Amino acid sequence: MKLSDTGQDLIKHFEGLELKAYKCPAGVWTIGYGHIKGVSEGDEITALTANRMLIEEMVEYENYINNAVKVDLTQNQFDAMVS
């Protein structure tokens, strides 16, 4: 399965969009819609880049769910697990 547009919108709603790197409450540098890999102090991105990063990163999480869950899921269940 793949993350739906609704699932992507859910992630965007709860993560919020930050175009400048910031330290989250856990002290991790974060940017875009909760992206943490390779983020450093002073990094800046565009909204278009944040969307691309989210789409690319979600493939990893889709694969985790697709490989781990062995029962049929509705799209909403899958979206919730990926998010």
PDB file of N, CA and C in Angstrom:
ATOM      1  N   MET A   1       0.834  -1.182   0.000  1.00  0.00           N
ATOM      2  CA  MET A   1       0.000   0.000   0.000  1.00  0.00           C
ATOM      3  C   MET A   1       0.876   1.241   0.000  1.00  0.00           C
ATOM      4  N   LYS A   2       0.277   2.343  -0.359  1.00  0.00           N
ATOM      5  CA  LYS A   2       0.946   3.639  -0.388  1.00  0.00           C
ATOM      6  C   LYS A   2       0.156   4.619   0.483  1.00  0.00           C
ATOM      7  N   LEU A   3       0.845   5.566   1.057  1.00  0.00           N
ATOM      8  CA  LEU A   3       0.208   6.617   1.833  1.00  0.00           C
ATOM      9  C   LEU A   3      -0.701   7.435   0.924  1.00  0.00           C
ATOM     10  N   SER A   4      -1.921   7.657   1.343  1.00  0.00           N
ATOM     11  CA  SER A   4      -2.868   8.443   0.538  1.00  0.00           C
ATOM     12  C   SER A   4      -2.615   9.938   0.727  1.00  0.00           C
ATOM     13  N   ASP A   5      -3.237  10.726  -0.133  1.00  0.00           N
ATOM     14  CA  ASP A   5      -3.166  12.183   0.016  1.00  0.00           C
ATOM     15  C   ASP A   5      -3.737  12.612   1.360  1.00  0.00           C
ATOM     16  N   THR A   6      -4.794  11.938   1.803  1.00  0.00           N
ATOM     17  CA  THR A   6      -5.390  12.248   3.107  1.00  0.00           C
ATOM     18  C   THR A   6      -4.402  11.975   4.229  1.00  0.00           C
ATOM     19  N   GLY A   7      -3.683  10.857   4.131  1.00  0.00           N
ATOM     20  CA  GLY A   7      -2.670  10.530   5.131  1.00  0.00           C
ATOM     21  C   GLY A   7      -1.549  11.542   5.139  1.00  0.00           C
ATOM     22  N   GLN A   8      -1.136  11.968   3.958  1.00  0.00           N
ATOM     23  CA  GLN A   8      -0.090  12.975   3.847  1.00  0.00           C
ATOM     24  C   GLN A   8      -0.556  14.297   4.464  1.00  0.00           C
ATOM     25  N   ASP A   9      -1.811  14.652   4.213  1.00  0.00           N
ATOM     26  CA  ASP A   9      -2.368  15.876   4.800  1.00  0.00           C
ATOM     27  C   ASP A   9      -2.407  15.785   6.323  1.00  0.00           C
ATOM     28  N   LEU A  10      -2.691  14.595   6.857  1.00  0.00           N
ATOM     29  CA  LEU A  10      -2.711  14.385   8.301  1.00  0.00           C
ATOM     30  C   LEU A  10      -1.330  14.662   8.894  1.00  0.00           C
ATOM     31  N   ILE A  11      -0.310  14.113   8.265  1.00  0.00           N
ATOM     32  CA  ILE A  11       1.058  14.331   8.733  1.00  0.00           C
ATOM     33  C   ILE A  11       1.392  15.822   8.686  1.00  0.00           C
ATOM     34  N   LYS A  12       1.067  16.466   7.582  1.00  0.00           N
ATOM     35  CA  LYS A  12       1.356  17.893   7.438  1.00  0.00           C
ATOM     36  C   LYS A  12       0.648  18.711   8.522  1.00  0.00           C
ATOM     37  N   HIS A  13      -0.597  18.345   8.818  1.00  0.00           N
ATOM     38  CA  HIS A  13      -1.376  19.071   9.829  1.00  0.00           C
ATOM     39  C   HIS A  13      -0.708  18.983  11.203  1.00  0.00           C
ATOM     40  N   PHE A  14      -0.323  17.773  11.599  1.00  0.00           N
ATOM     41  CA  PHE A  14       0.208  17.591  12.946  1.00  0.00           C
ATOM     42  C   PHE A  14       1.675  17.989  13.069  1.00  0.00           C
ATOM     43  N   GLU A  15       2.452  17.830  12.007  1.00  0.00           N
ATOM     44  CA  GLU A  15       3.871  18.212  12.066  1.00  0.00           C
ATOM     45  C   GLU A  15       4.056  19.708  11.885  1.00  0.00           C
ATOM     46  N   GLY A  16       3.247  20.313  11.037  1.00  0.00           N
ATOM     47  CA  GLY A  16       3.453  21.717  10.714  1.00  0.00           C
ATOM     48  C   GLY A  16       4.659  21.860   9.799  1.00  0.00           C
ATOM     49  N   LEU A  17       4.752  22.983   9.125  1.00  0.00           N
ATOM     50  CA  LEU A  17       5.835  23.231   8.183  1.00  0.00           C
ATOM     51  C   LEU A  17       6.804  24.252   8.760  1.00  0.00           C
ATOM     52  N   GLU A  18       8.051  23.869   8.841  1.00  0.00           N
ATOM     53  CA  GLU A  18       9.122  24.768   9.287  1.00  0.00           C
ATOM     54  C   GLU A  18      10.184  24.801   8.206  1.00  0.00           C
ATOM     55  N   LEU A  19      10.427  25.970   7.650  1.00  0.00           N
ATOM     56  CA  LEU A  19      11.383  26.096   6.552  1.00  0.00           C
ATOM     57  C   LEU A  19      12.809  26.383   7.030  1.00  0.00           C
ATOM     58  N   LYS A  20      12.959  26.673   8.305  1.00  0.00           N
ATOM     59  CA  LYS A  20      14.277  26.866   8.909  1.00  0.00           C
ATOM     60  C   LYS A  20      14.470  25.805   9.986  1.00  0.00           C
ATOM     61  N   ALA A  21      15.663  25.241  10.033  1.00  0.00           N
ATOM     62  CA  ALA A  21      15.962  24.192  11.014  1.00  0.00           C
ATOM     63  C   ALA A  21      15.749  24.712  12.433  1.00  0.00           C
ATOM     64  N   TYR A  22      15.184  23.854  13.254  1.00  0.00           N
ATOM     65  CA  TYR A  22      14.957  24.199  14.664  1.00  0.00           C
ATOM     66  C   TYR A  22      15.184  22.940  15.494  1.00  0.00           C
ATOM     67  N   LYS A  23      15.430  23.133  16.770  1.00  0.00           N
ATOM     68  CA  LYS A  23      15.566  21.991  17.666  1.00  0.00           C
ATOM     69  C   LYS A  23      14.193  21.653  18.227  1.00  0.00           C
ATOM     70  N   CYS A  24      13.771  20.413  18.016  1.00  0.00           N
ATOM     71  CA  CYS A  24      12.491  19.957  18.564  1.00  0.00           C
ATOM     72  C   CYS A  24      12.637  19.785  20.074  1.00  0.00           C
ATOM     73  N   PRO A  25      11.537  19.507  20.795  1.00  0.00           N
ATOM     74  CA  PRO A  25      11.642  19.353  22.249  1.00  0.00           C
ATOM     75  C   PRO A  25      12.631  18.270  22.691  1.00  0.00           C
ATOM     76  N   ALA A  26      12.900  17.291  21.809  1.00  0.00           N
ATOM     77  CA  ALA A  26      13.865  16.243  22.148  1.00  0.00           C
ATOM     78  C   ALA A  26      15.304  16.677  21.859  1.00  0.00           C
ATOM     79  N   GLY A  27      15.477  17.917  21.361  1.00  0.00           N
ATOM     80  CA  GLY A  27      16.808  18.435  21.103  1.00  0.00           C
ATOM     81  C   GLY A  27      17.400  18.003  19.766  1.00  0.00           C
ATOM     82  N   VAL A  28      16.548  17.575  18.824  1.00  0.00           N
ATOM     83  CA  VAL A  28      17.001  17.103  17.513  1.00  0.00           C
ATOM     84  C   VAL A  28      16.717  18.171  16.470  1.00  0.00           C
ATOM     85  N   TRP A  29      17.706  18.457  15.621  1.00  0.00           N
ATOM     86  CA  TRP A  29      17.494  19.425  14.544  1.00  0.00           C
ATOM     87  C   TRP A  29      16.468  18.867  13.569  1.00  0.00           C
ATOM     88  N   THR A  30      15.469  19.683  13.244  1.00  0.00           N
ATOM     89  CA  THR A  30      14.307  19.274  12.453  1.00  0.00           C
ATOM     90  C   THR A  30      13.996  20.360  11.441  1.00  0.00           C
ATOM     91  N   ILE A  31      13.432  19.949  10.289  1.00  0.00           N
ATOM     92  CA  ILE A  31      13.062  20.909   9.252  1.00  0.00           C
ATOM     93  C   ILE A  31      11.900  20.332   8.445  1.00  0.00           C
ATOM     94  N   GLY A  32      11.228  21.180   7.698  1.00  0.00           N
ATOM     95  CA  GLY A  32      10.130  20.709   6.843  1.00  0.00           C
ATOM     96  C   GLY A  32       8.967  20.207   7.674  1.00  0.00           C
ATOM     97  N   TYR A  33       8.488  19.011   7.329  1.00  0.00           N
ATOM     98  CA  TYR A  33       7.389  18.378   8.051  1.00  0.00           C
ATOM     99  C   TYR A  33       7.934  17.294   8.978  1.00  0.00           C
ATOM    100  N   GLY A  34       8.824  17.674   9.885  1.00  0.00           N
ATOM    101  CA  GLY A  34       9.349  16.726  10.859  1.00  0.00           C
ATOM    102  C   GLY A  34      10.550  15.931  10.377  1.00  0.00           C
ATOM    103  N   HIS A  35      11.205  16.387   9.324  1.00  0.00           N
ATOM    104  CA  HIS A  35      12.373  15.686   8.780  1.00  0.00           C
ATOM    105  C   HIS A  35      13.574  15.920   9.682  1.00  0.00           C
ATOM    106  N   ILE A  36      14.299  14.836  10.040  1.00  0.00           N
ATOM    107  CA  ILE A  36      15.445  14.971  10.949  1.00  0.00           C
ATOM    108  C   ILE A  36      16.760  14.468  10.372  1.00  0.00           C
ATOM    109  N   LYS A  37      16.730  13.692   9.314  1.00  0.00           N
ATOM    110  CA  LYS A  37      17.959  13.081   8.784  1.00  0.00           C
ATOM    111  C   LYS A  37      18.827  14.125   8.093  1.00  0.00           C
ATOM    112  N   GLY A  38      20.046  14.282   8.598  1.00  0.00           N
ATOM    113  CA  GLY A  38      20.998  15.179   7.973  1.00  0.00           C
ATOM    114  C   GLY A  38      20.728  16.655   8.161  1.00  0.00           C
ATOM    115  N   VAL A  39      19.881  17.003   9.114  1.00  0.00           N
ATOM    116  CA  VAL A  39      19.540  18.415   9.342  1.00  0.00           C
ATOM    117  C   VAL A  39      20.557  19.034  10.301  1.00  0.00           C
ATOM    118  N   SER A  40      20.996  20.226   9.960  1.00  0.00           N
ATOM    119  CA  SER A  40      21.970  20.944  10.786  1.00  0.00           C
ATOM    120  C   SER A  40      21.466  22.344  11.098  1.00  0.00           C
ATOM    121  N   GLU A  41      22.015  22.901  12.139  1.00  0.00           N
ATOM    122  CA  GLU A  41      21.697  24.281  12.499  1.00  0.00           C
ATOM    123  C   GLU A  41      21.952  25.190  11.301  1.00  0.00           C
ATOM    124  N   GLY A  42      21.017  26.093  11.026  1.00  0.00           N
ATOM    125  CA  GLY A  42      21.166  27.049   9.947  1.00  0.00           C
ATOM    126  C   GLY A  42      20.588  26.596   8.613  1.00  0.00           C
ATOM    127  N   ASP A  43      20.179  25.333   8.514  1.00  0.00           N
ATOM    128  CA  ASP A  43      19.586  24.840   7.264  1.00  0.00           C
ATOM    129  C   ASP A  43      18.281  25.551   6.962  1.00  0.00           C
ATOM    130  N   GLU A  44      18.045  25.824   5.687  1.00  0.00           N
ATOM    131  CA  GLU A  44      16.790  26.402   5.224  1.00  0.00           C
ATOM    132  C   GLU A  44      16.376  25.693   3.941  1.00  0.00           C
ATOM    133  N   ILE A  45      15.060  25.516   3.752  1.00  0.00           N
ATOM    134  CA  ILE A  45      14.523  24.876   2.560  1.00  0.00           C
ATOM    135  C   ILE A  45      13.296  25.652   2.083  1.00  0.00           C
ATOM    136  N   THR A  46      12.805  25.284   0.913  1.00  0.00           N
ATOM    137  CA  THR A  46      11.562  25.853   0.399  1.00  0.00           C
ATOM    138  C   THR A  46      10.408  24.904   0.724  1.00  0.00           C
ATOM    139  N   ALA A  47       9.189  25.401   0.585  1.00  0.00           N
ATOM    140  CA  ALA A  47       8.010  24.556   0.796  1.00  0.00           C
ATOM    141  C   ALA A  47       8.007  23.405  -0.206  1.00  0.00           C
ATOM    142  N   LEU A  48       8.428  23.660  -1.427  1.00  0.00           N
ATOM    143  CA  LEU A  48       8.491  22.608  -2.442  1.00  0.00           C
ATOM    144  C   LEU A  48       9.461  21.509  -2.018  1.00  0.00           C
ATOM    145  N   THR A  49      10.605  21.895  -1.495  1.00  0.00           N
ATOM    146  CA  THR A  49      11.579  20.917  -1.008  1.00  0.00           C
ATOM    147  C   THR A  49      11.022  20.141   0.171  1.00  0.00           C
ATOM    148  N   ALA A  50      10.311  20.803   1.069  1.00  0.00           N
ATOM    149  CA  ALA A  50       9.707  20.117   2.214  1.00  0.00           C
ATOM    150  C   ALA A  50       8.711  19.057   1.746  1.00  0.00           C
ATOM    151  N   ASN A  51       7.907  19.377   0.746  1.00  0.00           N
ATOM    152  CA  ASN A  51       6.959  18.397   0.204  1.00  0.00           C
ATOM    153  C   ASN A  51       7.693  17.211  -0.406  1.00  0.00           C
ATOM    154  N   ARG A  52       8.739  17.481  -1.165  1.00  0.00           N
ATOM    155  CA  ARG A  52       9.519  16.410  -1.785  1.00  0.00           C
ATOM    156  C   ARG A  52      10.150  15.520  -0.724  1.00  0.00           C
ATOM    157  N   MET A  53      10.700  16.127   0.308  1.00  0.00           N
ATOM    158  CA  MET A  53      11.327  15.368   1.387  1.00  0.00           C
ATOM    159  C   MET A  53      10.307  14.467   2.082  1.00  0.00           C
ATOM    160  N   LEU A  54       9.109  14.988   2.308  1.00  0.00           N
ATOM    161  CA  LEU A  54       8.067  14.196   2.963  1.00  0.00           C
ATOM    162  C   LEU A  54       7.697  12.993   2.107  1.00  0.00           C
ATOM    163  N   ILE A  55       7.474  13.213   0.833  1.00  0.00           N
ATOM    164  CA  ILE A  55       7.091  12.123  -0.073  1.00  0.00           C
ATOM    165  C   ILE A  55       8.189  11.064  -0.118  1.00  0.00           C
ATOM    166  N   GLU A  56       9.424  11.492  -0.251  1.00  0.00           N
ATOM    167  CA  GLU A  56      10.545  10.547  -0.320  1.00  0.00           C
ATOM    168  C   GLU A  56      10.707   9.775   0.979  1.00  0.00           C
ATOM    169  N   GLU A  57      10.566  10.457   2.103  1.00  0.00           N
ATOM    170  CA  GLU A  57      10.756   9.795   3.395  1.00  0.00           C
ATOM    171  C   GLU A  57       9.628   8.816   3.708  1.00  0.00           C
ATOM    172  N   MET A  58       8.438   9.116   3.262  1.00  0.00           N
ATOM    173  CA  MET A  58       7.305   8.236   3.561  1.00  0.00           C
ATOM    174  C   MET A  58       7.445   6.862   2.915  1.00  0.00           C
ATOM    175  N   VAL A  59       8.204   6.761   1.836  1.00  0.00           N
ATOM    176  CA  VAL A  59       8.440   5.454   1.213  1.00  0.00           C
ATOM    177  C   VAL A  59       9.078   4.504   2.227  1.00  0.00           C
ATOM    178  N   GLU A  60      10.019   4.999   3.016  1.00  0.00           N
ATOM    179  CA  GLU A  60      10.664   4.184   4.049  1.00  0.00           C
ATOM    180  C   GLU A  60       9.632   3.665   5.053  1.00  0.00           C
ATOM    181  N   TYR A  61       8.750   4.546   5.500  1.00  0.00           N
ATOM    182  CA  TYR A  61       7.769   4.159   6.510  1.00  0.00           C
ATOM    183  C   TYR A  61       6.668   3.266   5.921  1.00  0.00           C
ATOM    184  N   GLU A  62       6.306   3.511   4.678  1.00  0.00           N
ATOM    185  CA  GLU A  62       5.360   2.616   3.993  1.00  0.00           C
ATOM    186  C   GLU A  62       5.931   1.206   3.952  1.00  0.00           C
ATOM    187  N   ASN A  63       7.216   1.097   3.642  1.00  0.00           N
ATOM    188  CA  ASN A  63       7.853  -0.215   3.574  1.00  0.00           C
ATOM    189  C   ASN A  63       7.862  -0.914   4.929  1.00  0.00           C
ATOM    190  N   TYR A  64       8.098  -0.170   6.003  1.00  0.00           N
ATOM    191  CA  TYR A  64       8.059  -0.770   7.335  1.00  0.00           C
ATOM    192  C   TYR A  64       6.695  -1.417   7.591  1.00  0.00           C
ATOM    193  N   ILE A  65       5.640  -0.668   7.301  1.00  0.00           N
ATOM    194  CA  ILE A  65       4.287  -1.185   7.548  1.00  0.00           C
ATOM    195  C   ILE A  65       3.975  -2.343   6.603  1.00  0.00           C
ATOM    196  N   ASN A  66       4.268  -2.181   5.330  1.00  0.00           N
ATOM    197  CA  ASN A  66       3.990  -3.240   4.360  1.00  0.00           C
ATOM    198  C   ASN A  66       4.716  -4.538   4.698  1.00  0.00           C
ATOM    199  N   ASN A  67       5.918  -4.447   5.260  1.00  0.00           N
ATOM    200  CA  ASN A  67       6.689  -5.637   5.600  1.00  0.00           C
ATOM    201  C   ASN A  67       6.308  -6.237   6.948  1.00  0.00           C
ATOM    202  N   ALA A  68       5.856  -5.420   7.872  1.00  0.00           N
ATOM    203  CA  ALA A  68       5.591  -5.898   9.230  1.00  0.00           C
ATOM    204  C   ALA A  68       4.160  -6.370   9.453  1.00  0.00           C
ATOM    205  N   VAL A  69       3.209  -5.748   8.805  1.00  0.00           N
ATOM    206  CA  VAL A  69       1.804  -6.049   9.065  1.00  0.00           C
ATOM    207  C   VAL A  69       1.337  -7.127   8.092  1.00  0.00           C
ATOM    208  N   LYS A  70       0.814  -8.202   8.641  1.00  0.00           N
ATOM    209  CA  LYS A  70       0.434  -9.363   7.825  1.00  0.00           C
ATOM    210  C   LYS A  70      -1.074  -9.552   7.700  1.00  0.00           C
ATOM    211  N   VAL A  71      -1.847  -8.572   8.070  1.00  0.00           N
ATOM    212  CA  VAL A  71      -3.307  -8.621   7.914  1.00  0.00           C
ATOM    213  C   VAL A  71      -3.723  -7.501   6.966  1.00  0.00           C
ATOM    214  N   ASP A  72      -4.898  -7.634   6.377  1.00  0.00           N
ATOM    215  CA  ASP A  72      -5.402  -6.587   5.503  1.00  0.00           C
ATOM    216  C   ASP A  72      -5.717  -5.333   6.314  1.00  0.00           C
ATOM    217  N   LEU A  73      -5.365  -4.189   5.752  1.00  0.00           N
ATOM    218  CA  LEU A  73      -5.641  -2.905   6.390  1.00  0.00           C
ATOM    219  C   LEU A  73      -6.518  -2.066   5.477  1.00  0.00           C
ATOM    220  N   THR A  74      -7.341  -1.234   6.080  1.00  0.00           N
ATOM    221  CA  THR A  74      -8.032  -0.222   5.289  1.00  0.00           C
ATOM    222  C   THR A  74      -7.021   0.870   4.976  1.00  0.00           C
ATOM    223  N   GLN A  75      -7.341   1.742   4.046  1.00  0.00           N
ATOM    224  CA  GLN A  75      -6.435   2.843   3.726  1.00  0.00           C
ATOM    225  C   GLN A  75      -6.231   3.736   4.942  1.00  0.00           C
ATOM    226  N   ASN A  76      -7.310   3.985   5.695  1.00  0.00           N
ATOM    227  CA  ASN A  76      -7.194   4.837   6.887  1.00  0.00           C
ATOM    228  C   ASN A  76      -6.271   4.204   7.931  1.00  0.00           C
ATOM    229  N   GLN A  77      -6.366   2.892   8.128  1.00  0.00           N
ATOM    230  CA  GLN A  77      -5.496   2.214   9.083  1.00  0.00           C
ATOM    231  C   GLN A  77      -4.036   2.318   8.647  1.00  0.00           C
ATOM    232  N   PHE A  78      -3.803   2.086   7.357  1.00  0.00           N
ATOM    233  CA  PHE A  78      -2.448   2.163   6.835  1.00  0.00           C
ATOM    234  C   PHE A  78      -1.879   3.574   7.002  1.00  0.00           C
ATOM    235  N   ASP A  79      -2.676   4.563   6.629  1.00  0.00           N
ATOM    236  CA  ASP A  79      -2.242   5.959   6.758  1.00  0.00           C
ATOM    237  C   ASP A  79      -1.877   6.285   8.203  1.00  0.00           C
ATOM    238  N   ALA A  80      -2.705   5.834   9.144  1.00  0.00           N
ATOM    239  CA  ALA A  80      -2.446   6.115  10.556  1.00  0.00           C
ATOM    240  C   ALA A  80      -1.139   5.458  11.011  1.00  0.00           C
ATOM    241  N   MET A  81      -0.899   4.247  10.567  1.00  0.00           N
ATOM    242  CA  MET A  81       0.330   3.552  10.957  1.00  0.00           C
ATOM    243  C   MET A  81       1.557   4.225  10.349  1.00  0.00           C
ATOM    244  N   VAL A  82       1.479   4.631   9.109  1.00  0.00           N
ATOM    245  CA  VAL A  82       2.612   5.302   8.467  1.00  0.00           C
ATOM    246  C   VAL A  82       2.869   6.638   9.151  1.00  0.00           C
ATOM    247  N   SER A  83       1.816   7.360   9.499  1.00  0.00           N
ATOM    248  CA  SER A  83       2.005   8.674  10.114  1.00  0.00           C
ATOM    249  C   SER A  83       2.569   8.531  11.519  1.00  0.00           C
TER     250      SER A  83
END
